[in-house]
């Protein structure tokens, strides 16, 4: 997984296998999903200040993606418009 110039690639947590990376529209790594070799649990990490920060774990990587991956942060979905109050 390659990062844009000026960013360092954090190390995958020891003893875990990185299965998938989620990149922003600007090709910047934002999240990774890992597991231990036994694959009994999957872990979701967010890249914060050039380090992986664990934000969730589940038995299913699909659940992690559905619950925690932010399409707005990845730039693949526009920010929701704020509702205007009638007044």
N, C-alpha and C. Protein backbone atom coordinates (compact mmCIF):
# COMPACT_ATOMS: atom_id res chain seq x y z
N UNK A 1 0.85 -1.17 0.00
CA UNK A 1 0.00 0.00 0.00
C UNK A 1 0.90 1.23 0.00
N UNK A 2 0.75 2.07 -1.00
CA UNK A 2 1.61 3.22 -1.16
C UNK A 2 0.89 4.48 -0.72
N UNK A 3 1.61 5.36 -0.02
CA UNK A 3 1.09 6.64 0.44
C UNK A 3 1.62 7.75 -0.45
N UNK A 4 0.87 8.87 -0.56
CA UNK A 4 1.38 10.00 -1.32
C UNK A 4 2.65 10.56 -0.68
N UNK A 5 3.41 11.30 -1.49
CA UNK A 5 4.65 11.90 -1.01
C UNK A 5 4.38 12.77 0.23
N UNK A 6 5.27 12.70 1.20
CA UNK A 6 5.11 13.48 2.42
C UNK A 6 4.43 12.72 3.54
N UNK A 7 3.94 11.52 3.24
CA UNK A 7 3.28 10.69 4.24
C UNK A 7 4.10 9.42 4.43
N UNK A 8 4.18 8.95 5.65
CA UNK A 8 4.86 7.68 5.89
C UNK A 8 3.81 6.59 6.06
N UNK A 9 4.17 5.40 5.66
CA UNK A 9 3.26 4.27 5.78
C UNK A 9 3.43 3.64 7.15
N UNK A 10 2.37 3.63 7.95
CA UNK A 10 2.47 2.95 9.25
C UNK A 10 2.67 1.46 9.05
N UNK A 11 3.27 0.81 10.03
CA UNK A 11 3.47 -0.63 9.98
C UNK A 11 2.16 -1.34 10.34
N UNK A 12 1.88 -2.42 9.63
CA UNK A 12 0.74 -3.26 9.98
C UNK A 12 0.98 -3.79 11.39
N UNK A 13 -0.04 -3.78 12.25
CA UNK A 13 0.14 -4.26 13.62
C UNK A 13 0.78 -5.66 13.65
N UNK A 14 1.68 -5.85 14.59
CA UNK A 14 2.44 -7.10 14.69
C UNK A 14 1.52 -8.31 14.83
N UNK A 15 1.79 -9.33 14.04
CA UNK A 15 1.02 -10.57 14.10
C UNK A 15 -0.28 -10.51 13.34
N UNK A 16 -0.55 -9.41 12.63
CA UNK A 16 -1.80 -9.28 11.86
C UNK A 16 -1.49 -9.19 10.37
N UNK A 17 -2.47 -9.59 9.58
CA UNK A 17 -2.38 -9.56 8.12
C UNK A 17 -3.32 -8.47 7.63
N UNK A 18 -2.81 -7.56 6.81
CA UNK A 18 -3.65 -6.51 6.21
C UNK A 18 -4.35 -7.10 4.99
N UNK A 19 -5.67 -7.07 5.00
CA UNK A 19 -6.44 -7.66 3.90
C UNK A 19 -6.88 -6.63 2.88
N UNK A 20 -7.26 -5.46 3.35
CA UNK A 20 -7.77 -4.46 2.41
C UNK A 20 -7.46 -3.07 2.96
N UNK A 21 -7.18 -2.14 2.06
CA UNK A 21 -6.98 -0.74 2.41
C UNK A 21 -8.06 0.09 1.73
N UNK A 22 -8.52 1.11 2.42
CA UNK A 22 -9.51 2.02 1.87
C UNK A 22 -8.84 3.37 1.67
N UNK A 23 -8.85 3.86 0.44
CA UNK A 23 -8.16 5.08 0.08
C UNK A 23 -9.15 6.18 -0.25
N UNK A 24 -8.72 7.42 0.01
CA UNK A 24 -9.53 8.58 -0.37
C UNK A 24 -9.44 8.75 -1.88
N UNK A 25 -10.27 9.61 -2.39
CA UNK A 25 -10.26 9.90 -3.82
C UNK A 25 -8.92 10.51 -4.23
N UNK A 26 -8.18 11.05 -3.26
CA UNK A 26 -6.85 11.62 -3.49
C UNK A 26 -5.74 10.58 -3.30
N UNK A 27 -6.10 9.31 -3.23
CA UNK A 27 -5.17 8.19 -3.11
C UNK A 27 -4.44 8.16 -1.77
N UNK A 28 -5.07 8.66 -0.75
CA UNK A 28 -4.49 8.66 0.60
C UNK A 28 -5.13 7.54 1.41
N UNK A 29 -4.30 6.69 2.01
CA UNK A 29 -4.81 5.58 2.81
C UNK A 29 -5.54 6.11 4.04
N UNK A 30 -6.78 5.67 4.24
CA UNK A 30 -7.59 6.14 5.37
C UNK A 30 -7.88 5.03 6.37
N UNK A 31 -8.12 3.81 5.89
CA UNK A 31 -8.48 2.69 6.76
C UNK A 31 -7.81 1.42 6.25
N UNK A 32 -7.59 0.44 7.15
CA UNK A 32 -7.22 -0.92 6.75
C UNK A 32 -8.04 -1.90 7.58
N UNK A 33 -8.26 -3.07 6.99
CA UNK A 33 -8.87 -4.19 7.71
C UNK A 33 -7.80 -5.26 7.82
N UNK A 34 -7.61 -5.76 9.05
CA UNK A 34 -6.62 -6.80 9.31
C UNK A 34 -7.26 -7.95 10.06
N UNK A 35 -6.48 -9.02 10.21
CA UNK A 35 -6.88 -10.12 11.09
C UNK A 35 -5.62 -10.83 11.55
N UNK A 36 -5.76 -11.64 12.58
CA UNK A 36 -4.71 -12.57 12.96
C UNK A 36 -4.76 -13.70 11.93
N UNK A 37 -3.71 -14.51 11.82
CA UNK A 37 -3.74 -15.61 10.84
C UNK A 37 -4.95 -16.53 10.97
N UNK A 38 -5.49 -16.72 12.16
CA UNK A 38 -6.65 -17.61 12.35
C UNK A 38 -7.93 -17.03 11.74
N UNK A 39 -7.98 -15.73 11.50
CA UNK A 39 -9.12 -15.04 10.89
C UNK A 39 -10.41 -15.22 11.69
N UNK A 40 -10.30 -15.32 13.02
CA UNK A 40 -11.51 -15.43 13.83
C UNK A 40 -12.14 -14.06 14.11
N UNK A 41 -11.33 -13.01 14.11
CA UNK A 41 -11.82 -11.64 14.22
C UNK A 41 -11.10 -10.77 13.21
N UNK A 42 -11.78 -9.75 12.75
CA UNK A 42 -11.18 -8.75 11.86
C UNK A 42 -11.15 -7.43 12.61
N UNK A 43 -10.11 -6.63 12.31
CA UNK A 43 -9.92 -5.36 12.99
C UNK A 43 -9.91 -4.24 11.97
N UNK A 44 -10.55 -3.14 12.32
CA UNK A 44 -10.56 -1.96 11.46
C UNK A 44 -9.70 -0.89 12.11
N UNK A 45 -8.76 -0.39 11.36
CA UNK A 45 -7.88 0.68 11.81
C UNK A 45 -8.10 1.90 10.93
N UNK A 46 -8.04 3.08 11.54
CA UNK A 46 -8.07 4.33 10.79
C UNK A 46 -6.66 4.92 10.86
N UNK A 47 -6.22 5.53 9.77
CA UNK A 47 -4.93 6.19 9.75
C UNK A 47 -5.12 7.59 10.32
N UNK A 48 -4.46 7.84 11.45
CA UNK A 48 -4.51 9.15 12.10
C UNK A 48 -3.08 9.55 12.41
N UNK A 49 -2.67 10.70 11.89
CA UNK A 49 -1.30 11.20 12.11
C UNK A 49 -0.25 10.15 11.76
N UNK A 50 -0.40 9.53 10.60
CA UNK A 50 0.54 8.53 10.09
C UNK A 50 0.70 7.32 11.00
N UNK A 51 -0.36 6.97 11.74
CA UNK A 51 -0.35 5.77 12.59
C UNK A 51 -1.71 5.09 12.48
N UNK A 52 -1.72 3.76 12.63
CA UNK A 52 -2.98 3.02 12.64
C UNK A 52 -3.58 3.07 14.04
N UNK A 53 -4.85 3.47 14.11
CA UNK A 53 -5.59 3.51 15.37
C UNK A 53 -6.76 2.56 15.24
N UNK A 54 -6.81 1.53 16.11
CA UNK A 54 -7.88 0.53 16.04
C UNK A 54 -9.20 1.19 16.45
N UNK A 55 -10.21 1.04 15.58
CA UNK A 55 -11.51 1.64 15.90
C UNK A 55 -12.61 0.60 16.09
N UNK A 56 -12.39 -0.64 15.64
CA UNK A 56 -13.44 -1.64 15.81
C UNK A 56 -12.90 -3.04 15.50
N UNK A 57 -13.65 -4.05 15.99
CA UNK A 57 -13.37 -5.43 15.62
C UNK A 57 -14.70 -6.16 15.49
N UNK A 58 -14.71 -7.16 14.62
CA UNK A 58 -15.92 -7.94 14.39
C UNK A 58 -15.52 -9.25 13.76
N UNK A 59 -16.43 -10.21 13.77
CA UNK A 59 -16.18 -11.50 13.13
C UNK A 59 -16.31 -11.39 11.61
N UNK A 60 -16.91 -10.30 11.13
CA UNK A 60 -17.12 -10.12 9.69
C UNK A 60 -16.51 -8.80 9.21
N UNK A 61 -15.63 -8.86 8.20
CA UNK A 61 -15.10 -7.60 7.68
C UNK A 61 -16.18 -6.76 6.99
N UNK A 62 -17.21 -7.40 6.47
CA UNK A 62 -18.29 -6.66 5.82
C UNK A 62 -19.04 -5.79 6.83
N UNK A 63 -19.21 -6.29 8.04
CA UNK A 63 -19.88 -5.51 9.09
C UNK A 63 -19.05 -4.27 9.42
N UNK A 64 -17.74 -4.44 9.50
CA UNK A 64 -16.86 -3.29 9.78
C UNK A 64 -17.02 -2.22 8.70
N UNK A 65 -17.03 -2.66 7.46
CA UNK A 65 -17.16 -1.71 6.35
C UNK A 65 -18.50 -0.98 6.42
N UNK A 66 -19.57 -1.72 6.61
CA UNK A 66 -20.90 -1.11 6.64
C UNK A 66 -21.07 -0.13 7.79
N UNK A 67 -20.53 -0.48 8.96
CA UNK A 67 -20.73 0.33 10.16
C UNK A 67 -19.80 1.53 10.25
N UNK A 68 -18.55 1.38 9.78
CA UNK A 68 -17.53 2.37 10.13
C UNK A 68 -16.86 3.11 8.98
N UNK A 69 -16.87 2.57 7.78
CA UNK A 69 -16.18 3.26 6.69
C UNK A 69 -17.02 4.45 6.26
N UNK A 70 -16.40 5.62 6.27
CA UNK A 70 -17.09 6.88 5.99
C UNK A 70 -16.86 7.29 4.54
N UNK A 71 -17.87 7.15 3.67
CA UNK A 71 -17.69 7.50 2.26
C UNK A 71 -17.44 8.99 2.05
N UNK A 72 -17.90 9.83 2.97
CA UNK A 72 -17.63 11.27 2.87
C UNK A 72 -16.13 11.51 3.09
N UNK A 73 -15.55 10.85 4.09
CA UNK A 73 -14.13 10.99 4.38
C UNK A 73 -13.27 10.49 3.22
N UNK A 74 -13.74 9.47 2.53
CA UNK A 74 -13.01 8.94 1.38
C UNK A 74 -13.19 9.81 0.14
N UNK A 75 -14.16 10.73 0.20
CA UNK A 75 -14.38 11.61 -0.93
C UNK A 75 -15.18 10.98 -2.05
N UNK A 76 -15.84 9.88 -1.77
CA UNK A 76 -16.63 9.21 -2.81
C UNK A 76 -18.11 9.53 -2.69
N UNK A 77 -18.44 10.35 -1.71
CA UNK A 77 -19.82 10.76 -1.51
C UNK A 77 -19.79 12.20 -0.97
N UNK A 78 -20.62 13.08 -1.50
CA UNK A 78 -20.60 14.46 -1.00
C UNK A 78 -21.13 14.54 0.42
N UNK A 79 -20.70 15.59 1.13
CA UNK A 79 -21.22 15.80 2.48
C UNK A 79 -22.70 16.07 2.39
N UNK A 80 -23.48 15.54 3.35
CA UNK A 80 -24.91 15.81 3.33
C UNK A 80 -25.18 17.30 3.55
N UNK A 81 -26.15 17.79 2.83
CA UNK A 81 -26.52 19.20 2.98
C UNK A 81 -27.26 19.39 4.29
N UNK A 82 -26.97 20.50 4.95
CA UNK A 82 -27.68 20.79 6.20
C UNK A 82 -29.08 21.26 5.88
N UNK A 83 -30.01 20.76 6.69
CA UNK A 83 -31.40 21.14 6.49
C UNK A 83 -31.61 22.57 6.98
N UNK A 84 -32.32 23.32 6.21
CA UNK A 84 -32.63 24.69 6.62
C UNK A 84 -33.93 24.70 7.40
N UNK A 85 -33.92 25.51 8.41
CA UNK A 85 -35.15 25.65 9.19
C UNK A 85 -36.06 26.68 8.54
N UNK A 86 -37.31 26.37 8.55
CA UNK A 86 -38.28 27.36 8.07
C UNK A 86 -38.55 28.33 9.21
N UNK A 87 -38.53 29.57 8.89
CA UNK A 87 -38.77 30.42 10.02
C UNK A 87 -39.03 31.78 9.72
